[in-house]
Amino acid sequence: MEDQKSPNKTEENIVELKTGIYMLSIIGEVEGHEALGDRAKATKYEHILPTLARVEDSSEIQGLLILLNTVGGDVEAGLAIAEMIASMSKPTVSLVLGGGHSIGVPLAVSADYSFIVPSGTMVIHPVRTNGMFIGVAQTYRNMEKTQDRITNFVSMHSKISKERLEELMLDTSMLVKDVGTMLEGPQAVKEGLIDEVGGIAQALGKLYELMNQK
């Protein structure tokens, strides 16, 4: 008997629809240079970046739909994906399902237009680090620079100001084990972080609208 080949892992987050639309799902934790455990749901950025380049280069693909349900993850990897999406010439629409937390926030706003379901949530908090931490001024300055990169990106690609974003990041009254803010769907829209409350029908409808304008 011939050995059955395992599914191509590089394609597990990508679905090509029959209408010239590619669907990208960012699920679980965004994995960076360090591999997560076998039991963790992860989106591997080294798989996503080449696929986004292929979407941009393909004459058959007319639009990209991004589905988000992520707890966040590696900052560098998340920003790399977000910058890639933001720089695409093809129409892009994002839809937050469940959660778009932490680095999921810039991923959500990187699209041309963003949606969140009514029960969806977005968590905004300061940059954190794991592992060895050297308690010197340079470390804190580097973390501040990283946080500035995130807040600048989010404010540039949404309607929320950098000052309001930082205010939400530093709220001490909401999260039990962290500093920051959790926004539910309508709140995220009210703050200007997300464009509209809606689901898959609205997201696809908006993407078709953007595609027809090209």
C-alpha atoms as a PDB file:
ATOM      1  CA  MET A   1       0.000   0.000   0.000  1.00  0.00           C
ATOM      2  CA  GLU A   2       1.148   3.515  -0.728  1.00  0.00           C
ATOM      3  CA  ASP A   3       1.808   5.733   2.253  1.00  0.00           C
ATOM      4  CA  GLN A   4      -0.794   8.379   2.677  1.00  0.00           C
ATOM      5  CA  LYS A   5       0.765  11.815   2.703  1.00  0.00           C
ATOM      6  CA  SER A   6      -0.110  14.199   5.507  1.00  0.00           C
ATOM      7  CA  PRO A   7      -1.880  17.440   4.601  1.00  0.00           C
ATOM      8  CA  ASN A   8       0.313  20.306   3.539  1.00  0.00           C
ATOM      9  CA  LYS A   9       0.702  22.310   6.738  1.00  0.00           C
ATOM     10  CA  THR A  10       1.607  25.473   4.866  1.00  0.00           C
ATOM     11  CA  GLU A  11      -1.892  25.596   3.402  1.00  0.00           C
ATOM     12  CA  GLU A  12      -3.898  24.840   6.536  1.00  0.00           C
ATOM     13  CA  ASN A  13      -4.783  28.503   7.163  1.00  0.00           C
ATOM     14  CA  ILE A  14      -5.645  29.270   3.537  1.00  0.00           C
ATOM     15  CA  VAL A  15      -8.829  28.480   1.619  1.00  0.00           C
ATOM     16  CA  GLU A  16      -9.363  29.531  -1.969  1.00  0.00           C
ATOM     17  CA  LEU A  17     -13.005  30.263  -2.657  1.00  0.00           C
ATOM     18  CA  LYS A  18     -14.553  29.837  -6.115  1.00  0.00           C
ATOM     19  CA  THR A  19     -15.074  33.543  -6.662  1.00  0.00           C
ATOM     20  CA  GLY A  20     -11.528  34.881  -6.842  1.00  0.00           C
ATOM     21  CA  ILE A  21     -11.343  35.338  -3.068  1.00  0.00           C
ATOM     22  CA  TYR A  22      -8.705  33.908  -0.780  1.00  0.00           C
ATOM     23  CA  MET A  23      -9.630  33.347   2.860  1.00  0.00           C
ATOM     24  CA  LEU A  24      -6.909  33.555   5.498  1.00  0.00           C
ATOM     25  CA  SER A  25      -7.645  32.412   9.056  1.00  0.00           C
ATOM     26  CA  ILE A  26      -5.478  33.581  11.945  1.00  0.00           C
ATOM     27  CA  ILE A  27      -6.378  31.213  14.762  1.00  0.00           C
ATOM     28  CA  GLY A  28      -4.968  30.611  18.231  1.00  0.00           C
ATOM     29  CA  GLU A  29      -1.559  32.127  18.903  1.00  0.00           C
ATOM     30  CA  VAL A  30       0.638  33.832  16.330  1.00  0.00           C
ATOM     31  CA  GLU A  31       3.868  31.851  16.371  1.00  0.00           C
ATOM     32  CA  GLY A  32       7.175  33.642  15.908  1.00  0.00           C
ATOM     33  CA  HIS A  33      10.736  32.338  15.780  1.00  0.00           C
ATOM     34  CA  GLU A  34      10.172  29.974  18.705  1.00  0.00           C
ATOM     35  CA  ALA A  35       7.889  26.989  18.097  1.00  0.00           C
ATOM     36  CA  LEU A  36       4.916  26.536  20.406  1.00  0.00           C
ATOM     37  CA  GLY A  37       3.935  23.224  21.966  1.00  0.00           C
ATOM     38  CA  ASP A  38       2.267  20.479  19.957  1.00  0.00           C
ATOM     39  CA  ARG A  39      -1.040  21.014  21.763  1.00  0.00           C
ATOM     40  CA  ALA A  40      -1.197  24.763  21.057  1.00  0.00           C
ATOM     41  CA  LYS A  41      -3.309  26.170  18.260  1.00  0.00           C
ATOM     42  CA  ALA A  42      -0.913  28.328  16.278  1.00  0.00           C
ATOM     43  CA  THR A  43      -0.680  30.433  13.137  1.00  0.00           C
ATOM     44  CA  LYS A  44       2.842  30.230  11.753  1.00  0.00           C
ATOM     45  CA  TYR A  45       3.938  33.504  10.211  1.00  0.00           C
ATOM     46  CA  GLU A  46       6.549  31.850   7.984  1.00  0.00           C
ATOM     47  CA  HIS A  47       3.660  30.079   6.250  1.00  0.00           C
ATOM     48  CA  ILE A  48       1.461  33.160   5.982  1.00  0.00           C
ATOM     49  CA  LEU A  49       3.947  35.640   4.484  1.00  0.00           C
ATOM     50  CA  PRO A  50       4.722  33.666   1.288  1.00  0.00           C
ATOM     51  CA  THR A  51       1.019  32.997   0.803  1.00  0.00           C
ATOM     52  CA  LEU A  52       0.218  36.710   1.050  1.00  0.00           C
ATOM     53  CA  ALA A  53       2.926  37.418  -1.541  1.00  0.00           C
ATOM     54  CA  ARG A  54       1.339  34.798  -3.817  1.00  0.00           C
ATOM     55  CA  VAL A  55      -2.099  36.376  -3.341  1.00  0.00           C
ATOM     56  CA  GLU A  56      -0.717  39.787  -4.259  1.00  0.00           C
ATOM     57  CA  ASP A  57       1.021  38.454  -7.365  1.00  0.00           C
ATOM     58  CA  SER A  58      -1.827  36.284  -8.664  1.00  0.00           C
ATOM     59  CA  SER A  59      -3.998  37.657 -11.455  1.00  0.00           C
ATOM     60  CA  GLU A  60      -6.757  35.182 -10.546  1.00  0.00           C
ATOM     61  CA  ILE A  61      -7.173  36.360  -6.943  1.00  0.00           C
ATOM     62  CA  GLN A  62      -9.208  39.522  -6.602  1.00  0.00           C
ATOM     63  CA  GLY A  63      -9.661  39.892  -2.847  1.00  0.00           C
ATOM     64  CA  LEU A  64      -8.596  38.617   0.579  1.00  0.00           C
ATOM     65  CA  LEU A  65     -10.872  37.810   3.531  1.00  0.00           C
ATOM     66  CA  ILE A  66      -9.127  37.532   6.917  1.00  0.00           C
ATOM     67  CA  LEU A  67     -10.870  35.640   9.734  1.00  0.00           C
ATOM     68  CA  LEU A  68      -9.465  36.336  13.208  1.00  0.00           C
ATOM     69  CA  ASN A  69      -9.868  34.428  16.452  1.00  0.00           C
ATOM     70  CA  THR A  70      -6.543  34.904  18.182  1.00  0.00           C
ATOM     71  CA  VAL A  71      -5.192  35.412  21.689  1.00  0.00           C
ATOM     72  CA  GLY A  72      -2.244  37.338  20.242  1.00  0.00           C
ATOM     73  CA  GLY A  73       1.306  36.064  20.222  1.00  0.00           C
ATOM     74  CA  ASP A  74       4.703  37.095  18.911  1.00  0.00           C
ATOM     75  CA  VAL A  75       4.836  40.861  18.326  1.00  0.00           C
ATOM     76  CA  GLU A  76       7.382  40.799  15.505  1.00  0.00           C
ATOM     77  CA  ALA A  77       5.557  38.031  13.662  1.00  0.00           C
ATOM     78  CA  GLY A  78       2.166  39.676  14.109  1.00  0.00           C
ATOM     79  CA  LEU A  79       3.415  43.052  12.919  1.00  0.00           C
ATOM     80  CA  ALA A  80       5.098  41.421   9.917  1.00  0.00           C
ATOM     81  CA  ILE A  81       1.779  39.866   8.843  1.00  0.00           C
ATOM     82  CA  ALA A  82      -0.111  43.099   9.533  1.00  0.00           C
ATOM     83  CA  GLU A  83       2.326  45.198   7.501  1.00  0.00           C
ATOM     84  CA  MET A  84       2.129  42.693   4.650  1.00  0.00           C
ATOM     85  CA  ILE A  85      -1.679  42.855   4.585  1.00  0.00           C
ATOM     86  CA  ALA A  86      -1.694  46.660   4.835  1.00  0.00           C
ATOM     87  CA  SER A  87       0.677  46.981   1.865  1.00  0.00           C
ATOM     88  CA  MET A  88      -1.369  44.784  -0.493  1.00  0.00           C
ATOM     89  CA  SER A  89      -3.039  46.345  -3.529  1.00  0.00           C
ATOM     90  CA  LYS A  90      -5.806  43.722  -3.543  1.00  0.00           C
ATOM     91  CA  PRO A  91      -8.949  44.583  -1.520  1.00  0.00           C
ATOM     92  CA  THR A  92      -8.839  43.148   2.007  1.00  0.00           C
ATOM     93  CA  VAL A  93     -11.535  42.748   4.659  1.00  0.00           C
ATOM     94  CA  SER A  94     -11.073  41.389   8.188  1.00  0.00           C
ATOM     95  CA  LEU A  95     -13.635  39.773  10.478  1.00  0.00           C
ATOM     96  CA  VAL A  96     -13.012  39.287  14.207  1.00  0.00           C
ATOM     97  CA  LEU A  97     -14.731  36.140  15.470  1.00  0.00           C
ATOM     98  CA  GLY A  98     -14.371  35.333  19.150  1.00  0.00           C
ATOM     99  CA  GLY A  99     -11.294  37.406  19.878  1.00  0.00           C
ATOM    100  CA  GLY A 100      -8.748  39.703  18.313  1.00  0.00           C
ATOM    101  CA  HIS A 101      -6.515  40.153  21.330  1.00  0.00           C
ATOM    102  CA  SER A 102      -3.123  41.776  21.813  1.00  0.00           C
ATOM    103  CA  ILE A 103      -1.198  41.603  18.501  1.00  0.00           C
ATOM    104  CA  GLY A 104      -4.515  40.563  16.949  1.00  0.00           C
ATOM    105  CA  VAL A 105      -5.532  44.243  17.130  1.00  0.00           C
ATOM    106  CA  PRO A 106      -3.073  45.437  14.425  1.00  0.00           C
ATOM    107  CA  LEU A 107      -3.918  42.334  12.408  1.00  0.00           C
ATOM    108  CA  ALA A 108      -7.615  43.271  12.487  1.00  0.00           C
ATOM    109  CA  VAL A 109      -7.091  46.889  11.464  1.00  0.00           C
ATOM    110  CA  SER A 110      -4.529  46.099   8.753  1.00  0.00           C
ATOM    111  CA  ALA A 111      -7.313  45.326   6.257  1.00  0.00           C
ATOM    112  CA  ASP A 112      -9.007  47.956   4.096  1.00  0.00           C
ATOM    113  CA  TYR A 113     -12.211  47.443   6.103  1.00  0.00           C
ATOM    114  CA  SER A 114     -12.829  45.609   9.384  1.00  0.00           C
ATOM    115  CA  PHE A 115     -15.796  43.871  11.009  1.00  0.00           C
ATOM    116  CA  ILE A 116     -16.367  42.313  14.410  1.00  0.00           C
ATOM    117  CA  VAL A 117     -19.256  40.068  15.461  1.00  0.00           C
ATOM    118  CA  PRO A 118     -21.419  41.418  18.333  1.00  0.00           C
ATOM    119  CA  SER A 119     -20.009  38.888  20.830  1.00  0.00           C
ATOM    120  CA  GLY A 120     -16.419  39.354  19.666  1.00  0.00           C
ATOM    121  CA  THR A 121     -13.836  40.947  21.949  1.00  0.00           C
ATOM    122  CA  MET A 122     -10.556  42.789  21.547  1.00  0.00           C
ATOM    123  CA  VAL A 123      -8.008  43.084  24.358  1.00  0.00           C
ATOM    124  CA  ILE A 124      -5.630  46.047  24.334  1.00  0.00           C
ATOM    125  CA  HIS A 125      -2.699  45.925  26.739  1.00  0.00           C
ATOM    126  CA  PRO A 126       0.937  47.078  26.988  1.00  0.00           C
ATOM    127  CA  VAL A 127       3.777  45.079  25.465  1.00  0.00           C
ATOM    128  CA  ARG A 128       4.917  42.174  27.651  1.00  0.00           C
ATOM    129  CA  THR A 129       7.959  39.935  27.532  1.00  0.00           C
ATOM    130  CA  ASN A 130       8.725  36.340  28.544  1.00  0.00           C
ATOM    131  CA  GLY A 131      11.945  34.733  29.690  1.00  0.00           C
ATOM    132  CA  MET A 132      15.044  36.540  30.937  1.00  0.00           C
ATOM    133  CA  PHE A 133      14.477  40.221  31.623  1.00  0.00           C
ATOM    134  CA  ILE A 134      17.419  42.558  32.221  1.00  0.00           C
ATOM    135  CA  GLY A 135      16.222  45.307  34.552  1.00  0.00           C
ATOM    136  CA  VAL A 136      18.020  48.258  32.992  1.00  0.00           C
ATOM    137  CA  ALA A 137      16.800  51.481  31.396  1.00  0.00           C
ATOM    138  CA  GLN A 138      17.676  50.276  27.878  1.00  0.00           C
ATOM    139  CA  THR A 139      15.261  47.346  28.219  1.00  0.00           C
ATOM    140  CA  TYR A 140      12.373  49.610  29.131  1.00  0.00           C
ATOM    141  CA  ARG A 141      13.203  52.022  26.296  1.00  0.00           C
ATOM    142  CA  ASN A 142      13.214  49.145  23.811  1.00  0.00           C
ATOM    143  CA  MET A 143       9.832  47.968  25.084  1.00  0.00           C
ATOM    144  CA  GLU A 144       8.500  51.519  24.747  1.00  0.00           C
ATOM    145  CA  LYS A 145       9.753  51.644  21.153  1.00  0.00           C
ATOM    146  CA  THR A 146       8.059  48.338  20.377  1.00  0.00           C
ATOM    147  CA  GLN A 147       4.827  49.600  21.913  1.00  0.00           C
ATOM    148  CA  ASP A 148       5.096  52.805  19.872  1.00  0.00           C
ATOM    149  CA  ARG A 149       5.394  50.725  16.691  1.00  0.00           C
ATOM    150  CA  ILE A 150       2.149  48.964  17.571  1.00  0.00           C
ATOM    151  CA  THR A 151       0.196  52.074  18.598  1.00  0.00           C
ATOM    152  CA  ASN A 152       1.412  54.013  15.557  1.00  0.00           C
ATOM    153  CA  PHE A 153       0.345  51.200  13.228  1.00  0.00           C
ATOM    154  CA  VAL A 154      -3.085  50.801  14.828  1.00  0.00           C
ATOM    155  CA  SER A 155      -3.826  54.540  14.872  1.00  0.00           C
ATOM    156  CA  MET A 156      -2.718  54.882  11.227  1.00  0.00           C
ATOM    157  CA  HIS A 157      -5.013  52.067  10.064  1.00  0.00           C
ATOM    158  CA  SER A 158      -8.102  52.817  12.164  1.00  0.00           C
ATOM    159  CA  LYS A 159     -10.082  55.777  13.474  1.00  0.00           C
ATOM    160  CA  ILE A 160      -8.767  55.634  17.043  1.00  0.00           C
ATOM    161  CA  SER A 161      -6.128  58.139  18.139  1.00  0.00           C
ATOM    162  CA  LYS A 162      -2.789  57.044  19.537  1.00  0.00           C
ATOM    163  CA  GLU A 163      -3.544  58.923  22.778  1.00  0.00           C
ATOM    164  CA  ARG A 164      -6.865  57.110  23.287  1.00  0.00           C
ATOM    165  CA  LEU A 165      -5.236  53.776  22.454  1.00  0.00           C
ATOM    166  CA  GLU A 166      -2.539  54.328  25.087  1.00  0.00           C
ATOM    167  CA  GLU A 167      -5.224  55.332  27.592  1.00  0.00           C
ATOM    168  CA  LEU A 168      -7.045  52.035  27.001  1.00  0.00           C
ATOM    169  CA  MET A 169      -3.744  50.141  27.241  1.00  0.00           C
ATOM    170  CA  LEU A 170      -2.982  51.519  30.695  1.00  0.00           C
ATOM    171  CA  ASP A 171      -6.431  51.080  32.269  1.00  0.00           C
ATOM    172  CA  THR A 172      -6.044  49.317  35.626  1.00  0.00           C
ATOM    173  CA  SER A 173      -9.751  48.879  36.416  1.00  0.00           C
ATOM    174  CA  MET A 174     -10.850  46.160  34.001  1.00  0.00           C
ATOM    175  CA  LEU A 175      -8.485  43.188  33.609  1.00  0.00           C
ATOM    176  CA  VAL A 176      -7.861  41.025  36.666  1.00  0.00           C
ATOM    177  CA  LYS A 177      -4.344  39.798  35.883  1.00  0.00           C
ATOM    178  CA  ASP A 178      -3.204  42.507  33.505  1.00  0.00           C
ATOM    179  CA  VAL A 179      -3.293  46.196  32.662  1.00  0.00           C
ATOM    180  CA  GLY A 180      -5.479  47.122  29.705  1.00  0.00           C
ATOM    181  CA  THR A 181      -9.003  47.053  28.318  1.00  0.00           C
ATOM    182  CA  MET A 182     -11.345  44.476  26.827  1.00  0.00           C
ATOM    183  CA  LEU A 183     -13.684  45.896  24.186  1.00  0.00           C
ATOM    184  CA  GLU A 184     -16.766  44.026  23.023  1.00  0.00           C
ATOM    185  CA  GLY A 185     -17.890  44.299  19.403  1.00  0.00           C
ATOM    186  CA  PRO A 186     -20.030  47.466  19.590  1.00  0.00           C
ATOM    187  CA  GLN A 187     -17.505  49.118  21.931  1.00  0.00           C
ATOM    188  CA  ALA A 188     -14.655  48.434  19.501  1.00  0.00           C
ATOM    189  CA  VAL A 189     -16.653  50.171  16.768  1.00  0.00           C
ATOM    190  CA  LYS A 190     -17.593  53.089  19.046  1.00  0.00           C
ATOM    191  CA  GLU A 191     -13.911  53.621  19.910  1.00  0.00           C
ATOM    192  CA  GLY A 192     -13.047  53.715  16.204  1.00  0.00           C
ATOM    193  CA  LEU A 193     -10.896  50.608  16.379  1.00  0.00           C
ATOM    194  CA  ILE A 194     -13.117  48.515  14.078  1.00  0.00           C
ATOM    195  CA  ASP A 195     -15.220  49.865  11.214  1.00  0.00           C
ATOM    196  CA  GLU A 196     -18.468  47.949  11.685  1.00  0.00           C
ATOM    197  CA  VAL A 197     -20.316  45.267  13.639  1.00  0.00           C
ATOM    198  CA  GLY A 198     -21.217  42.386  11.342  1.00  0.00           C
ATOM    199  CA  GLY A 199     -20.693  38.773  10.382  1.00  0.00           C
ATOM    200  CA  ILE A 200     -19.581  36.731   7.409  1.00  0.00           C
ATOM    201  CA  ALA A 201     -22.351  37.951   5.086  1.00  0.00           C
ATOM    202  CA  GLN A 202     -21.489  41.586   5.734  1.00  0.00           C
ATOM    203  CA  ALA A 203     -17.745  40.935   5.420  1.00  0.00           C
ATOM    204  CA  LEU A 204     -18.110  39.146   2.087  1.00  0.00           C
ATOM    205  CA  GLY A 205     -20.543  41.784   0.857  1.00  0.00           C
ATOM    206  CA  LYS A 206     -18.059  44.542   1.643  1.00  0.00           C
ATOM    207  CA  LEU A 207     -15.231  42.623  -0.028  1.00  0.00           C
ATOM    208  CA  TYR A 208     -17.283  42.199  -3.223  1.00  0.00           C
ATOM    209  CA  GLU A 209     -18.043  45.917  -3.104  1.00  0.00           C
ATOM    210  CA  LEU A 210     -14.339  46.783  -2.835  1.00  0.00           C
ATOM    211  CA  MET A 211     -13.474  44.313  -5.600  1.00  0.00           C
ATOM    212  CA  ASN A 212     -16.036  45.906  -7.931  1.00  0.00           C
ATOM    213  CA  GLN A 213     -14.478  49.326  -7.321  1.00  0.00           C
ATOM    214  CA  LYS A 214     -11.103  48.144  -8.609  1.00  0.00           C
END
